[in-house]
Protein backbone atom coordinates (compact mmCIF):
# COMPACT_ATOMS: atom_id res chain seq x y z
CA MET A 1 26.15 10.90 24.60
CA LEU A 2 27.60 13.67 22.49
CA PHE A 3 29.14 11.83 19.58
CA GLY A 4 27.19 8.59 19.79
CA LYS A 5 25.90 6.75 16.80
CA LYS A 6 22.34 7.71 15.92
CA LYS A 7 19.76 4.98 15.61
CA GLU A 8 18.35 4.61 12.14
CA ILE A 9 14.60 4.94 12.10
CA THR A 10 13.00 2.72 9.50
CA PRO A 11 9.77 3.81 7.83
CA GLU A 12 6.58 1.76 7.87
CA ILE A 13 5.90 0.51 4.33
CA TYR A 14 2.34 0.69 3.00
CA SER A 15 0.50 -0.38 -0.14
CA GLU A 16 -2.53 1.50 -1.44
CA ASP A 17 -5.24 -0.49 -3.22
CA THR A 18 -7.77 1.21 -5.50
CA CYS A 19 -11.03 -0.51 -6.43
CA GLN A 20 -11.72 -0.41 -10.16
CA SER A 21 -15.48 -0.69 -9.52
CA CYS A 22 -16.18 1.98 -6.87
CA SER A 23 -12.83 3.91 -6.75
CA GLU A 24 -12.45 3.26 -2.99
CA LYS A 25 -8.82 3.62 -1.83
CA THR A 26 -7.51 1.43 0.98
CA LYS A 27 -4.17 1.85 2.80
CA ARG A 28 -2.66 -1.34 4.23
CA HIS A 29 0.70 -2.66 5.37
CA TYR A 30 2.94 -3.79 2.54
CA GLU A 31 3.04 -7.53 1.92
CA GLU A 32 5.88 -9.43 0.26
CA GLY A 33 5.09 -9.66 -3.46
CA ASP A 34 3.09 -6.41 -3.72
CA TYR A 35 3.90 -4.34 -6.78
CA VAL A 36 2.34 -1.30 -8.46
CA TYR A 37 -0.47 -2.29 -10.88
CA GLY A 38 -0.56 -5.78 -9.37
CA SER A 39 -3.75 -7.32 -7.98
CA GLY A 40 -4.87 -5.93 -4.65
CA LEU A 41 -7.10 -7.29 -1.90
CA GLN A 42 -10.89 -7.50 -2.01
CA CYS A 43 -12.64 -4.11 -1.69
CA LYS A 44 -14.25 -3.70 1.75
CA LYS A 45 -16.83 -1.21 0.45
CA CYS A 46 -18.34 -3.03 -2.55
CA MET A 47 -16.78 -6.51 -2.04
CA SER A 48 -15.32 -6.47 -5.57
CA SER A 49 -12.16 -8.46 -6.29
CA ASN A 50 -11.22 -5.95 -8.97
CA THR A 51 -8.63 -3.91 -7.05
CA VAL A 52 -5.17 -2.76 -8.12
CA VAL A 53 -2.14 -1.70 -6.06
CA THR A 54 -1.69 1.94 -7.10
CA ALA A 55 1.08 3.03 -4.71
CA ILE A 56 3.76 1.64 -2.41
CA TYR A 57 5.36 4.11 -0.02
CA GLY A 58 6.99 4.54 3.37
CA GLU A 59 5.98 6.78 6.27
CA TYR A 60 8.21 7.69 9.18
CA PRO A 61 6.64 7.61 12.65
CA GLU A 62 5.54 10.93 14.15
CA GLU A 63 8.28 12.82 16.02
CA ASP A 64 6.56 12.53 19.42
CA THR A 65 5.90 8.76 19.10
CA ARG A 66 9.55 7.89 18.41
CA ALA A 67 11.36 6.16 21.24
CA LYS A 68 13.81 8.44 22.99
CA ALA A 69 17.29 6.95 23.35
């Protein structure tokens, strides 16, 4: 299809939690209600509840893993 409409590829949205106790960073899928400097999930390394969301960002899938139309 020469002049067909291209499919829009939506990025995967992630949140990054940083533990305030051990500085461990954890990447996870974004959840409704996440915001930067909001409370994060429990740290898996030191089991502390003192984590903060430090980043929210999107990543596009790799070129070779995209579905070919």
